[in-house]
Amino acid sequence: KVFSHIRKYGDQPGKELFCLPSGLATFTPFALRLLGQEVFCSLREADYEIASYARQHDSMGILGQDSDYIIYDSAPYLSVAKLQINSLTTVMYDRQKLCTTIGLAVTQLPLLACLLGNDVVSEEHVRQIRNSAVETYRRASPAAYSRAPHGQVVLAVTRLVSTLGSPDGEQTELVPWSLNAPVPLRDLLKKGISSYLLPGQKSFEFVDVSASPATVEKLV
């Protein structure tokens, strides 16, 4: 698109066609070192390294634009998109309040993220589970049809996750057996959940948090 624009109009493309130069991640460290700066290269996904560092060093927050930062049990997630440079104010997404509102524990957020679809688990892989959750949600909440399709999916999957696990026994599996997922999908979900678990953190835990349907729906 960039080259097509240049050929057609013969001028600099606008912001709508902006893209990072190829090789930027490879050559930037060399440029920074030439300027005398100390450079750290990530051996894993950058989001994971940032969340891990923030948790380890008790950082005041993570300024970024990636919803994964509210899934990681790390420092508070601060929105860079809503950052006001002049006043240095922005929006903070409260992980604990989110969990209280939707009736989940922080340790259940990775499973929720995987069932909604993320970088590891595609929406296609969990489509059947999501469709089943939406059907159950609609039967229990007739008013659900009036909501946006994406909002219905989020609410339905949230309710599904809240029903998993058993209060009578400790849940030690990354993927609760009560999800009844086939083995290949369970393995993929385990990989996805593991990608959110920072050093020293535990996996899925059952939690009994009461959140009324009206409260949850207001969130979406």
N, C-alpha and C. Protein backbone atom coordinates (compact mmCIF):
# COMPACT_ATOMS: atom_id res chain seq x y z
N LYS A 1 0.82 -1.21 0.00
CA LYS A 1 0.00 0.00 0.00
C LYS A 1 0.86 1.27 0.00
N VAL A 2 1.96 1.23 0.74
CA VAL A 2 2.85 2.40 0.83
C VAL A 2 3.42 2.73 -0.54
N PHE A 3 3.97 1.72 -1.23
CA PHE A 3 4.58 1.96 -2.53
C PHE A 3 3.53 2.31 -3.58
N SER A 4 2.36 1.73 -3.47
CA SER A 4 1.29 2.08 -4.40
C SER A 4 0.91 3.54 -4.26
N HIS A 5 0.88 4.02 -3.00
CA HIS A 5 0.55 5.43 -2.75
C HIS A 5 1.62 6.34 -3.34
N ILE A 6 2.90 5.97 -3.16
CA ILE A 6 3.99 6.80 -3.67
C ILE A 6 3.96 6.85 -5.19
N ARG A 7 3.72 5.69 -5.82
CA ARG A 7 3.66 5.66 -7.29
C ARG A 7 2.49 6.47 -7.81
N LYS A 8 1.37 6.41 -7.10
CA LYS A 8 0.17 7.09 -7.58
C LYS A 8 0.19 8.59 -7.35
N TYR A 9 0.65 9.00 -6.15
CA TYR A 9 0.57 10.41 -5.79
C TYR A 9 1.92 11.13 -5.75
N GLY A 10 3.02 10.36 -5.67
CA GLY A 10 4.34 10.96 -5.67
C GLY A 10 4.65 11.80 -4.44
N ASP A 11 4.03 11.47 -3.31
CA ASP A 11 4.33 12.21 -2.08
C ASP A 11 4.41 11.26 -0.89
N GLN A 12 4.74 11.84 0.28
CA GLN A 12 4.89 11.07 1.51
C GLN A 12 3.53 10.54 1.98
N PRO A 13 3.41 9.23 2.23
CA PRO A 13 2.14 8.68 2.71
C PRO A 13 1.76 9.30 4.05
N GLY A 14 0.46 9.37 4.33
CA GLY A 14 -0.02 9.92 5.58
C GLY A 14 0.10 8.93 6.73
N LYS A 15 -0.35 9.37 7.91
CA LYS A 15 -0.23 8.55 9.12
C LYS A 15 -1.01 7.25 9.01
N GLU A 16 -2.08 7.25 8.22
CA GLU A 16 -2.90 6.05 8.11
C GLU A 16 -2.15 4.89 7.48
N LEU A 17 -1.04 5.18 6.77
CA LEU A 17 -0.23 4.13 6.15
C LEU A 17 1.09 3.92 6.87
N PHE A 18 1.21 4.50 8.06
CA PHE A 18 2.47 4.37 8.81
C PHE A 18 2.73 2.92 9.19
N CYS A 19 3.97 2.51 9.06
CA CYS A 19 4.38 1.19 9.53
C CYS A 19 5.84 1.26 9.95
N LEU A 20 6.20 0.44 10.89
CA LEU A 20 7.58 0.43 11.37
C LEU A 20 8.51 -0.10 10.29
N PRO A 21 9.69 0.48 10.15
CA PRO A 21 10.64 0.00 9.14
C PRO A 21 11.05 -1.45 9.42
N SER A 22 11.23 -2.22 8.37
CA SER A 22 11.66 -3.60 8.55
C SER A 22 13.07 -3.63 9.14
N GLY A 23 13.31 -4.59 10.02
CA GLY A 23 14.63 -4.72 10.65
C GLY A 23 14.86 -3.78 11.81
N LEU A 24 13.82 -3.01 12.20
CA LEU A 24 14.00 -2.04 13.28
C LEU A 24 14.42 -2.70 14.58
N ALA A 25 13.78 -3.83 14.91
CA ALA A 25 14.11 -4.52 16.16
C ALA A 25 15.54 -5.05 16.16
N THR A 26 16.04 -5.39 14.97
CA THR A 26 17.40 -5.94 14.88
C THR A 26 18.46 -4.87 14.99
N PHE A 27 18.23 -3.72 14.33
CA PHE A 27 19.28 -2.70 14.26
C PHE A 27 19.21 -1.66 15.38
N THR A 28 18.06 -1.49 16.01
CA THR A 28 17.95 -0.49 17.07
C THR A 28 18.93 -0.72 18.22
N PRO A 29 19.11 -1.97 18.72
CA PRO A 29 20.07 -2.18 19.80
C PRO A 29 21.48 -1.71 19.45
N PHE A 30 21.91 -1.92 18.21
CA PHE A 30 23.24 -1.49 17.80
C PHE A 30 23.34 0.03 17.83
N ALA A 31 22.30 0.70 17.37
CA ALA A 31 22.30 2.17 17.37
C ALA A 31 22.34 2.70 18.79
N LEU A 32 21.60 2.09 19.68
CA LEU A 32 21.57 2.55 21.07
C LEU A 32 22.91 2.32 21.76
N ARG A 33 23.53 1.18 21.46
CA ARG A 33 24.85 0.91 22.06
C ARG A 33 25.89 1.91 21.57
N LEU A 34 25.80 2.31 20.30
CA LEU A 34 26.72 3.31 19.77
C LEU A 34 26.54 4.65 20.47
N LEU A 35 25.34 4.88 20.99
CA LEU A 35 25.07 6.11 21.74
C LEU A 35 25.40 5.98 23.21
N GLY A 36 25.98 4.82 23.58
CA GLY A 36 26.40 4.63 24.97
C GLY A 36 25.32 4.14 25.90
N GLN A 37 24.21 3.64 25.34
CA GLN A 37 23.11 3.18 26.18
C GLN A 37 23.23 1.69 26.46
N GLU A 38 22.81 1.29 27.65
CA GLU A 38 22.78 -0.13 28.00
C GLU A 38 21.54 -0.75 27.38
N VAL A 39 21.71 -1.88 26.72
CA VAL A 39 20.60 -2.51 26.00
C VAL A 39 20.35 -3.91 26.55
N PHE A 40 19.09 -4.22 26.81
CA PHE A 40 18.69 -5.55 27.25
C PHE A 40 17.86 -6.20 26.14
N CYS A 41 18.25 -7.40 25.73
CA CYS A 41 17.53 -8.10 24.68
C CYS A 41 16.68 -9.22 25.30
N SER A 42 15.42 -9.26 24.92
CA SER A 42 14.49 -10.25 25.46
C SER A 42 14.70 -11.61 24.82
N LEU A 43 14.66 -12.65 25.64
CA LEU A 43 14.76 -14.02 25.15
C LEU A 43 13.39 -14.65 24.99
N ARG A 44 12.35 -13.96 25.49
CA ARG A 44 10.98 -14.43 25.38
C ARG A 44 10.12 -13.34 24.79
N GLU A 45 8.81 -13.58 24.77
CA GLU A 45 7.87 -12.58 24.33
C GLU A 45 8.08 -11.30 25.16
N ALA A 46 8.15 -10.17 24.48
CA ALA A 46 8.45 -8.90 25.17
C ALA A 46 7.42 -8.59 26.25
N ASP A 47 6.14 -8.87 25.99
CA ASP A 47 5.10 -8.60 26.98
C ASP A 47 5.38 -9.36 28.28
N TYR A 48 5.81 -10.61 28.14
CA TYR A 48 6.11 -11.43 29.32
C TYR A 48 7.28 -10.85 30.09
N GLU A 49 8.33 -10.48 29.38
CA GLU A 49 9.52 -9.94 30.03
C GLU A 49 9.19 -8.65 30.78
N ILE A 50 8.37 -7.79 30.17
CA ILE A 50 8.00 -6.52 30.80
C ILE A 50 7.16 -6.78 32.05
N ALA A 51 6.18 -7.67 31.94
CA ALA A 51 5.32 -7.97 33.09
C ALA A 51 6.13 -8.61 34.21
N SER A 52 7.05 -9.50 33.85
CA SER A 52 7.89 -10.17 34.84
C SER A 52 8.80 -9.17 35.55
N TYR A 53 9.42 -8.27 34.78
CA TYR A 53 10.31 -7.26 35.36
C TYR A 53 9.52 -6.34 36.29
N ALA A 54 8.34 -5.92 35.85
CA ALA A 54 7.52 -5.01 36.66
C ALA A 54 7.13 -5.65 37.99
N ARG A 55 6.79 -6.93 37.95
CA ARG A 55 6.41 -7.64 39.17
C ARG A 55 7.61 -7.83 40.09
N GLN A 56 8.73 -8.21 39.50
CA GLN A 56 9.94 -8.47 40.29
C GLN A 56 10.46 -7.21 40.98
N HIS A 57 10.33 -6.05 40.31
CA HIS A 57 10.87 -4.80 40.85
C HIS A 57 9.78 -3.91 41.46
N ASP A 58 8.58 -4.46 41.65
CA ASP A 58 7.48 -3.74 42.28
C ASP A 58 7.27 -2.38 41.61
N SER A 59 7.19 -2.39 40.29
CA SER A 59 7.03 -1.15 39.52
C SER A 59 5.67 -0.52 39.79
N MET A 60 5.58 0.79 39.63
CA MET A 60 4.32 1.49 39.87
C MET A 60 3.29 1.20 38.79
N GLY A 61 3.74 0.78 37.61
CA GLY A 61 2.80 0.47 36.55
C GLY A 61 3.50 0.11 35.25
N ILE A 62 2.72 -0.39 34.31
CA ILE A 62 3.19 -0.70 32.97
C ILE A 62 2.44 0.19 31.99
N LEU A 63 3.14 1.08 31.34
CA LEU A 63 2.52 1.97 30.37
C LEU A 63 2.58 1.29 29.00
N GLY A 64 1.44 0.95 28.46
CA GLY A 64 1.43 0.25 27.18
C GLY A 64 0.06 0.29 26.53
N GLN A 65 -0.08 -0.51 25.47
CA GLN A 65 -1.36 -0.58 24.76
C GLN A 65 -1.59 -2.01 24.33
N ASP A 66 -1.73 -2.88 25.33
CA ASP A 66 -1.92 -4.31 25.08
C ASP A 66 -2.76 -4.87 26.22
N SER A 67 -3.93 -5.39 25.91
CA SER A 67 -4.83 -5.90 26.95
C SER A 67 -4.22 -7.06 27.73
N ASP A 68 -3.18 -7.69 27.22
CA ASP A 68 -2.52 -8.77 27.95
C ASP A 68 -1.98 -8.29 29.29
N TYR A 69 -1.67 -7.01 29.39
CA TYR A 69 -1.09 -6.50 30.63
C TYR A 69 -2.09 -6.49 31.78
N ILE A 70 -3.38 -6.60 31.49
CA ILE A 70 -4.36 -6.71 32.57
C ILE A 70 -4.57 -8.18 32.94
N ILE A 71 -4.12 -9.09 32.06
CA ILE A 71 -4.21 -10.52 32.33
C ILE A 71 -3.04 -10.97 33.21
N TYR A 72 -1.85 -10.47 32.93
CA TYR A 72 -0.70 -10.77 33.78
C TYR A 72 -0.95 -10.26 35.19
N ASP A 73 -0.62 -11.07 36.20
CA ASP A 73 -0.73 -10.62 37.60
C ASP A 73 0.55 -9.87 37.94
N SER A 74 0.62 -8.64 37.47
CA SER A 74 1.83 -7.84 37.62
C SER A 74 1.46 -6.44 38.08
N ALA A 75 2.25 -5.46 37.69
CA ALA A 75 2.00 -4.07 38.05
C ALA A 75 0.73 -3.56 37.36
N PRO A 76 0.12 -2.49 37.86
CA PRO A 76 -1.07 -1.93 37.22
C PRO A 76 -0.82 -1.58 35.75
N TYR A 77 -1.85 -1.74 34.94
CA TYR A 77 -1.76 -1.46 33.51
C TYR A 77 -2.23 -0.04 33.24
N LEU A 78 -1.35 0.79 32.68
CA LEU A 78 -1.65 2.18 32.37
C LEU A 78 -1.73 2.36 30.85
N SER A 79 -2.76 3.04 30.38
CA SER A 79 -2.99 3.19 28.95
C SER A 79 -2.10 4.27 28.33
N VAL A 80 -1.30 3.90 27.34
CA VAL A 80 -0.49 4.88 26.63
C VAL A 80 -1.34 5.63 25.62
N ALA A 81 -2.43 5.00 25.15
CA ALA A 81 -3.31 5.66 24.18
C ALA A 81 -4.04 6.84 24.80
N LYS A 82 -4.31 6.76 26.09
CA LYS A 82 -5.04 7.83 26.77
C LYS A 82 -4.10 8.74 27.57
N LEU A 83 -2.81 8.61 27.35
CA LEU A 83 -1.84 9.43 28.07
C LEU A 83 -1.90 10.88 27.60
N GLN A 84 -2.03 11.79 28.56
CA GLN A 84 -1.99 13.23 28.29
C GLN A 84 -0.59 13.73 28.66
N ILE A 85 0.21 14.03 27.65
CA ILE A 85 1.60 14.40 27.88
C ILE A 85 1.74 15.64 28.76
N ASN A 86 0.90 16.65 28.53
CA ASN A 86 1.03 17.91 29.27
C ASN A 86 0.80 17.73 30.77
N SER A 87 -0.18 16.90 31.13
CA SER A 87 -0.49 16.71 32.55
C SER A 87 0.03 15.38 33.10
N LEU A 88 0.58 14.54 32.21
CA LEU A 88 1.08 13.21 32.59
C LEU A 88 0.01 12.42 33.33
N THR A 89 -1.20 12.45 32.82
CA THR A 89 -2.29 11.66 33.38
C THR A 89 -2.76 10.66 32.32
N THR A 90 -3.30 9.55 32.80
CA THR A 90 -3.81 8.53 31.88
C THR A 90 -4.86 7.70 32.59
N VAL A 91 -5.30 6.62 31.98
CA VAL A 91 -6.28 5.72 32.57
C VAL A 91 -5.58 4.48 33.09
N MET A 92 -5.93 4.07 34.32
CA MET A 92 -5.39 2.84 34.88
C MET A 92 -6.49 1.78 34.89
N TYR A 93 -6.18 0.62 34.34
CA TYR A 93 -7.12 -0.49 34.35
C TYR A 93 -6.86 -1.32 35.60
N ASP A 94 -7.85 -1.38 36.48
CA ASP A 94 -7.71 -2.04 37.78
C ASP A 94 -8.03 -3.52 37.67
N ARG A 95 -7.03 -4.33 37.79
CA ARG A 95 -7.17 -5.78 37.64
C ARG A 95 -8.08 -6.37 38.73
N GLN A 96 -7.89 -5.94 39.96
CA GLN A 96 -8.67 -6.47 41.07
C GLN A 96 -10.14 -6.09 40.96
N LYS A 97 -10.41 -4.84 40.58
CA LYS A 97 -11.80 -4.41 40.43
C LYS A 97 -12.47 -5.14 39.27
N LEU A 98 -11.71 -5.38 38.21
CA LEU A 98 -12.25 -6.13 37.08
C LEU A 98 -12.69 -7.51 37.55
N CYS A 99 -11.81 -8.18 38.31
CA CYS A 99 -12.12 -9.53 38.78
C CYS A 99 -13.31 -9.54 39.72
N THR A 100 -13.39 -8.56 40.61
CA THR A 100 -14.52 -8.47 41.53
C THR A 100 -15.82 -8.27 40.76
N THR A 101 -15.76 -7.46 39.71
CA THR A 101 -16.95 -7.15 38.92
C THR A 101 -17.45 -8.34 38.13
N ILE A 102 -16.53 -9.10 37.52
CA ILE A 102 -16.95 -10.22 36.67
C ILE A 102 -17.01 -11.54 37.42
N GLY A 103 -16.63 -11.54 38.71
CA GLY A 103 -16.76 -12.74 39.51
C GLY A 103 -15.70 -13.79 39.28
N LEU A 104 -14.49 -13.37 38.94
CA LEU A 104 -13.39 -14.29 38.74
C LEU A 104 -12.22 -13.94 39.65
N ALA A 105 -11.30 -14.88 39.82
CA ALA A 105 -10.06 -14.61 40.52
C ALA A 105 -9.02 -14.18 39.51
N VAL A 106 -8.00 -13.47 39.97
CA VAL A 106 -6.93 -13.04 39.08
C VAL A 106 -6.30 -14.24 38.38
N THR A 107 -6.20 -15.36 39.11
CA THR A 107 -5.59 -16.57 38.54
C THR A 107 -6.43 -17.19 37.43
N GLN A 108 -7.70 -16.76 37.30
CA GLN A 108 -8.56 -17.29 36.24
C GLN A 108 -8.51 -16.45 34.97
N LEU A 109 -7.91 -15.28 35.04
CA LEU A 109 -7.86 -14.40 33.87
C LEU A 109 -7.11 -15.03 32.69
N PRO A 110 -6.00 -15.75 32.90
CA PRO A 110 -5.33 -16.38 31.75
C PRO A 110 -6.23 -17.35 30.99
N LEU A 111 -7.03 -18.14 31.73
CA LEU A 111 -7.95 -19.07 31.06
C LEU A 111 -9.01 -18.29 30.30
N LEU A 112 -9.52 -17.23 30.89
CA LEU A 112 -10.50 -16.39 30.21
C LEU A 112 -9.93 -15.83 28.91
N ALA A 113 -8.70 -15.33 28.99
CA ALA A 113 -8.05 -14.75 27.81
C ALA A 113 -7.88 -15.79 26.70
N CYS A 114 -7.52 -17.01 27.09
CA CYS A 114 -7.32 -18.07 26.09
C CYS A 114 -8.64 -18.47 25.43
N LEU A 115 -9.71 -18.54 26.22
CA LEU A 115 -11.00 -18.94 25.67
C LEU A 115 -11.61 -17.84 24.81
N LEU A 116 -11.18 -16.61 25.02
CA LEU A 116 -11.64 -15.51 24.17
C LEU A 116 -10.79 -15.39 22.91
N GLY A 117 -9.60 -16.02 22.95
CA GLY A 117 -8.69 -15.97 21.80
C GLY A 117 -7.55 -15.01 22.05
N ASN A 118 -6.33 -15.48 21.86
CA ASN A 118 -5.16 -14.62 22.04
C ASN A 118 -4.06 -15.03 21.06
N ASP A 119 -2.82 -14.63 21.35
CA ASP A 119 -1.72 -14.91 20.43
C ASP A 119 -1.39 -16.40 20.33
N VAL A 120 -1.73 -17.17 21.36
CA VAL A 120 -1.42 -18.61 21.37
C VAL A 120 -2.61 -19.44 20.93
N VAL A 121 -3.77 -19.11 21.46
CA VAL A 121 -5.00 -19.86 21.16
C VAL A 121 -5.89 -19.01 20.26
N SER A 122 -6.04 -19.42 19.02
CA SER A 122 -6.85 -18.64 18.09
C SER A 122 -8.34 -18.81 18.39
N GLU A 123 -9.14 -17.86 17.93
CA GLU A 123 -10.58 -17.94 18.13
C GLU A 123 -11.16 -19.19 17.48
N GLU A 124 -10.57 -19.61 16.38
CA GLU A 124 -11.05 -20.79 15.68
C GLU A 124 -10.92 -22.04 16.54
N HIS A 125 -9.84 -22.15 17.31
CA HIS A 125 -9.62 -23.33 18.15
C HIS A 125 -10.67 -23.45 19.25
N VAL A 126 -11.17 -22.34 19.75
CA VAL A 126 -12.12 -22.37 20.88
C VAL A 126 -13.54 -22.00 20.45
N ARG A 127 -13.78 -21.99 19.14
CA ARG A 127 -15.10 -21.57 18.64
C ARG A 127 -16.23 -22.42 19.20
N GLN A 128 -16.03 -23.76 19.25
CA GLN A 128 -17.09 -24.64 19.72
C GLN A 128 -17.41 -24.37 21.19
N ILE A 129 -16.39 -24.21 22.01
CA ILE A 129 -16.60 -23.92 23.43
C ILE A 129 -17.31 -22.58 23.59
N ARG A 130 -16.89 -21.60 22.83
CA ARG A 130 -17.50 -20.27 22.93
C ARG A 130 -18.94 -20.30 22.47
N ASN A 131 -19.23 -20.99 21.38
CA ASN A 131 -20.61 -21.07 20.88
C ASN A 131 -21.51 -21.74 21.91
N SER A 132 -21.00 -22.80 22.54
CA SER A 132 -21.78 -23.50 23.56
C SER A 132 -22.03 -22.59 24.76
N ALA A 133 -21.01 -21.82 25.13
CA ALA A 133 -21.15 -20.90 26.27
C ALA A 133 -22.18 -19.82 25.96
N VAL A 134 -22.16 -19.32 24.73
CA VAL A 134 -23.11 -18.27 24.34
C VAL A 134 -24.54 -18.82 24.35
N GLU A 135 -24.74 -20.05 23.87
CA GLU A 135 -26.08 -20.66 23.87
C GLU A 135 -26.61 -20.79 25.30
N THR A 136 -25.74 -21.26 26.20
CA THR A 136 -26.13 -21.40 27.61
C THR A 136 -26.46 -20.05 28.22
N TYR A 137 -25.64 -19.07 27.90
CA TYR A 137 -25.83 -17.71 28.44
C TYR A 137 -27.15 -17.12 27.94
N ARG A 138 -27.47 -17.31 26.68
CA ARG A 138 -28.71 -16.76 26.12
C ARG A 138 -29.95 -17.42 26.72
N ARG A 139 -29.85 -18.73 26.99
CA ARG A 139 -30.99 -19.41 27.61
C ARG A 139 -31.24 -18.89 29.03
N ALA A 140 -30.13 -18.58 29.72
CA ALA A 140 -30.25 -18.10 31.10
C ALA A 140 -30.57 -16.62 31.18
N SER A 141 -30.20 -15.86 30.12
CA SER A 141 -30.41 -14.41 30.11
C SER A 141 -31.07 -14.00 28.80
N PRO A 142 -32.39 -14.02 28.75
CA PRO A 142 -33.11 -13.66 27.51
C PRO A 142 -32.74 -12.27 26.98
N ALA A 143 -32.39 -11.36 27.90
CA ALA A 143 -32.05 -9.99 27.48
C ALA A 143 -30.73 -9.93 26.75
N ALA A 144 -29.99 -11.05 26.71
CA ALA A 144 -28.66 -11.07 26.09
C ALA A 144 -28.71 -10.74 24.61
N TYR A 145 -29.83 -11.06 23.95
CA TYR A 145 -29.94 -10.84 22.52
C TYR A 145 -29.86 -9.36 22.15
N SER A 146 -30.14 -8.49 23.10
CA SER A 146 -30.13 -7.06 22.82
C SER A 146 -28.73 -6.48 22.87
N ARG A 147 -27.76 -7.28 23.28
CA ARG A 147 -26.39 -6.78 23.41
C ARG A 147 -25.56 -7.09 22.16
N ALA A 148 -24.47 -6.36 22.00
CA ALA A 148 -23.59 -6.57 20.86
C ALA A 148 -23.05 -7.99 20.90
N PRO A 149 -22.86 -8.63 19.73
CA PRO A 149 -22.37 -10.02 19.69
C PRO A 149 -21.09 -10.24 20.48
N HIS A 150 -20.12 -9.31 20.34
CA HIS A 150 -18.85 -9.49 21.06
C HIS A 150 -19.09 -9.42 22.56
N GLY A 151 -19.96 -8.52 22.99
CA GLY A 151 -20.26 -8.40 24.42
C GLY A 151 -20.90 -9.68 24.95
N GLN A 152 -21.75 -10.30 24.14
CA GLN A 152 -22.38 -11.55 24.54
C GLN A 152 -21.33 -12.64 24.75
N VAL A 153 -20.36 -12.70 23.84
CA VAL A 153 -19.31 -13.71 23.94
C VAL A 153 -18.49 -13.52 25.21
N VAL A 154 -18.10 -12.28 25.49
CA VAL A 154 -17.30 -12.00 26.69
C VAL A 154 -18.05 -12.40 27.94
N LEU A 155 -19.31 -12.00 28.04
CA LEU A 155 -20.12 -12.33 29.22
C LEU A 155 -20.33 -13.84 29.34
N ALA A 156 -20.60 -14.49 28.22
CA ALA A 156 -20.86 -15.93 28.23
C ALA A 156 -19.62 -16.71 28.67
N VAL A 157 -18.47 -16.38 28.10
CA VAL A 157 -17.24 -17.09 28.46
C VAL A 157 -16.84 -16.79 29.90
N THR A 158 -17.07 -15.56 30.35
CA THR A 158 -16.78 -15.22 31.74
C THR A 158 -17.60 -16.08 32.68
N ARG A 159 -18.88 -16.24 32.37
CA ARG A 159 -19.74 -17.08 33.21
C ARG A 159 -19.29 -18.54 33.17
N LEU A 160 -18.86 -18.99 32.00
CA LEU A 160 -18.37 -20.37 31.89
C LEU A 160 -17.17 -20.58 32.80
N VAL A 161 -16.20 -19.69 32.73
CA VAL A 161 -14.99 -19.82 33.55
C VAL A 161 -15.35 -19.79 35.04
N SER A 162 -16.33 -18.98 35.41
CA SER A 162 -16.71 -18.85 36.82
C SER A 162 -17.32 -20.14 37.37
N THR A 163 -17.80 -21.01 36.48
CA THR A 163 -18.43 -22.26 36.93
C THR A 163 -17.45 -23.42 37.00
N LEU A 164 -16.23 -23.22 36.54
CA LEU A 164 -15.27 -24.31 36.49
C LEU A 164 -14.59 -24.51 37.84
N GLY A 165 -14.14 -25.73 38.07
CA GLY A 165 -13.43 -26.01 39.31
C GLY A 165 -14.37 -26.54 40.36
N SER A 166 -13.81 -27.00 41.44
CA SER A 166 -14.60 -27.56 42.53
C SER A 166 -14.16 -26.97 43.85
N PRO A 167 -15.07 -26.46 44.68
CA PRO A 167 -14.71 -25.90 45.97
C PRO A 167 -14.29 -26.96 46.97
N ASP A 168 -14.56 -28.25 46.65
CA ASP A 168 -14.26 -29.32 47.60
C ASP A 168 -12.85 -29.89 47.44
N GLY A 169 -12.21 -29.58 46.33
CA GLY A 169 -10.88 -30.12 46.11
C GLY A 169 -9.98 -29.10 45.47
N GLU A 170 -8.70 -29.17 45.76
CA GLU A 170 -7.77 -28.20 45.19
C GLU A 170 -7.59 -28.46 43.70
N GLN A 171 -7.70 -27.43 42.90
CA GLN A 171 -7.54 -27.55 41.46
C GLN A 171 -6.09 -27.31 41.10
N THR A 172 -5.43 -28.36 40.61
CA THR A 172 -4.00 -28.24 40.33
C THR A 172 -3.71 -28.20 38.84
N GLU A 173 -4.70 -28.45 38.01
CA GLU A 173 -4.49 -28.46 36.57
C GLU A 173 -4.56 -27.04 36.01
N LEU A 174 -3.73 -26.78 35.01
CA LEU A 174 -3.80 -25.50 34.33
C LEU A 174 -5.17 -25.32 33.68
N VAL A 175 -5.68 -26.41 33.10
CA VAL A 175 -7.00 -26.39 32.47
C VAL A 175 -7.92 -27.28 33.30
N PRO A 176 -8.95 -26.72 33.94
CA PRO A 176 -9.86 -27.52 34.77
C PRO A 176 -10.47 -28.69 33.99
N TRP A 177 -10.53 -29.86 34.60
CA TRP A 177 -11.09 -31.02 33.92
C TRP A 177 -12.55 -30.80 33.58
N SER A 178 -13.23 -29.97 34.36
CA SER A 178 -14.65 -29.73 34.13
C SER A 178 -14.92 -28.98 32.83
N LEU A 179 -13.88 -28.48 32.17
CA LEU A 179 -14.06 -27.80 30.88
C LEU A 179 -14.38 -28.81 29.78
N ASN A 180 -13.98 -30.08 30.01
CA ASN A 180 -14.26 -31.16 29.04
C ASN A 180 -13.74 -30.84 27.64
N ALA A 181 -12.54 -30.34 27.58
CA ALA A 181 -11.93 -30.03 26.28
C ALA A 181 -11.14 -31.25 25.79
N PRO A 182 -11.11 -31.50 24.47
CA PRO A 182 -10.32 -32.61 23.95
C PRO A 182 -8.84 -32.40 24.23
N VAL A 183 -8.09 -33.49 24.22
CA VAL A 183 -6.68 -33.44 24.62
C VAL A 183 -5.86 -32.41 23.81
N PRO A 184 -5.97 -32.38 22.47
CA PRO A 184 -5.18 -31.39 21.72
C PRO A 184 -5.49 -29.96 22.14
N LEU A 185 -6.77 -29.67 22.39
CA LEU A 185 -7.15 -28.33 22.80
C LEU A 185 -6.69 -28.04 24.22
N ARG A 186 -6.76 -29.04 25.10
CA ARG A 186 -6.26 -28.87 26.47
C ARG A 186 -4.78 -28.51 26.45
N ASP A 187 -4.03 -29.21 25.62
CA ASP A 187 -2.59 -28.93 25.53
C ASP A 187 -2.33 -27.51 25.04
N LEU A 188 -3.14 -27.08 24.06
CA LEU A 188 -2.98 -25.72 23.53
C LEU A 188 -3.36 -24.69 24.59
N LEU A 189 -4.43 -24.95 25.33
CA LEU A 189 -4.86 -24.04 26.39
C LEU A 189 -3.80 -23.97 27.50
N LYS A 190 -3.19 -25.12 27.81
CA LYS A 190 -2.12 -25.14 28.82
C LYS A 190 -0.96 -24.25 28.38
N LYS A 191 -0.62 -24.35 27.11
CA LYS A 191 0.46 -23.51 26.58
C LYS A 191 0.10 -22.04 26.67
N GLY A 192 -1.16 -21.72 26.34
CA GLY A 192 -1.61 -20.33 26.40
C GLY A 192 -1.61 -19.79 27.82
N ILE A 193 -2.13 -20.58 28.76
CA ILE A 193 -2.17 -20.15 30.16
C ILE A 193 -0.77 -20.00 30.71
N SER A 194 0.12 -20.94 30.38
CA SER A 194 1.50 -20.87 30.86
C SER A 194 2.20 -19.60 30.41
N SER A 195 1.80 -19.08 29.24
CA SER A 195 2.45 -17.87 28.73
C SER A 195 2.14 -16.65 29.59
N TYR A 196 1.11 -16.75 30.45
CA TYR A 196 0.76 -15.63 31.33
C TYR A 196 1.31 -15.80 32.74
N LEU A 197 1.78 -17.00 33.08
CA LEU A 197 2.21 -17.26 34.45
C LEU A 197 3.65 -16.78 34.64
N LEU A 198 3.81 -15.79 35.50
CA LEU A 198 5.13 -15.25 35.79
C LEU A 198 5.82 -16.10 36.84
N PRO A 199 7.14 -15.97 36.99
CA PRO A 199 7.88 -16.79 37.95
C PRO A 199 7.25 -16.77 39.35
N GLY A 200 7.00 -17.97 39.90
CA GLY A 200 6.47 -18.07 41.25
C GLY A 200 4.96 -18.02 41.35
N GLN A 201 4.27 -17.86 40.21
CA GLN A 201 2.82 -17.75 40.26
C GLN A 201 2.15 -19.11 40.06
N LYS A 202 0.97 -19.25 40.66
CA LYS A 202 0.20 -20.48 40.55
C LYS A 202 -0.80 -20.37 39.40
N SER A 203 -1.32 -21.52 39.03
CA SER A 203 -2.29 -21.54 37.92
C SER A 203 -3.70 -21.39 38.44
N PHE A 204 -4.65 -22.00 37.73
CA PHE A 204 -6.07 -21.86 38.01
C PHE A 204 -6.41 -22.20 39.46
N GLU A 205 -7.26 -21.37 40.06
CA GLU A 205 -7.79 -21.65 41.39
C GLU A 205 -9.29 -21.39 41.38
N PHE A 206 -10.03 -22.22 42.10
CA PHE A 206 -11.47 -21.98 42.21
C PHE A 206 -11.68 -20.79 43.13
N VAL A 207 -12.67 -19.98 42.81
CA VAL A 207 -12.99 -18.82 43.66
C VAL A 207 -14.49 -18.63 43.67
N ASP A 208 -15.00 -18.28 44.82
CA ASP A 208 -16.43 -18.01 44.95
C ASP A 208 -16.61 -16.52 45.13
N VAL A 209 -16.73 -15.82 44.01
CA VAL A 209 -16.92 -14.38 44.03
C VAL A 209 -18.28 -14.08 43.43
N SER A 210 -19.13 -13.42 44.19
CA SER A 210 -20.48 -13.14 43.71
C SER A 210 -20.51 -11.84 42.93
N ALA A 211 -21.05 -11.92 41.73
CA ALA A 211 -21.22 -10.72 40.90
C ALA A 211 -22.56 -10.86 40.21
N SER A 212 -23.43 -9.92 40.44
CA SER A 212 -24.77 -10.00 39.86
C SER A 212 -24.70 -9.85 38.36
N PRO A 213 -25.63 -10.47 37.60
CA PRO A 213 -25.64 -10.35 36.14
C PRO A 213 -25.65 -8.90 35.69
N ALA A 214 -26.42 -8.05 36.40
CA ALA A 214 -26.50 -6.65 35.99
C ALA A 214 -25.15 -5.97 36.10
N THR A 215 -24.42 -6.30 37.17
CA THR A 215 -23.11 -5.68 37.38
C THR A 215 -22.14 -6.11 36.30
N VAL A 216 -22.13 -7.41 35.97
CA VAL A 216 -21.23 -7.92 34.95
C VAL A 216 -21.57 -7.30 33.59
N GLU A 217 -22.85 -7.20 33.27
CA GLU A 217 -23.26 -6.69 31.97
C GLU A 217 -22.94 -5.22 31.81
N LYS A 218 -22.93 -4.46 32.91
CA LYS A 218 -22.58 -3.06 32.83
C LYS A 218 -21.14 -2.89 32.39
N LEU A 219 -20.29 -3.86 32.77
CA LEU A 219 -18.88 -3.79 32.41
C LEU A 219 -18.71 -3.86 30.91
N VAL A 220 -19.52 -4.69 30.25
CA VAL A 220 -19.43 -4.86 28.80
C VAL A 220 -20.33 -3.86 28.10
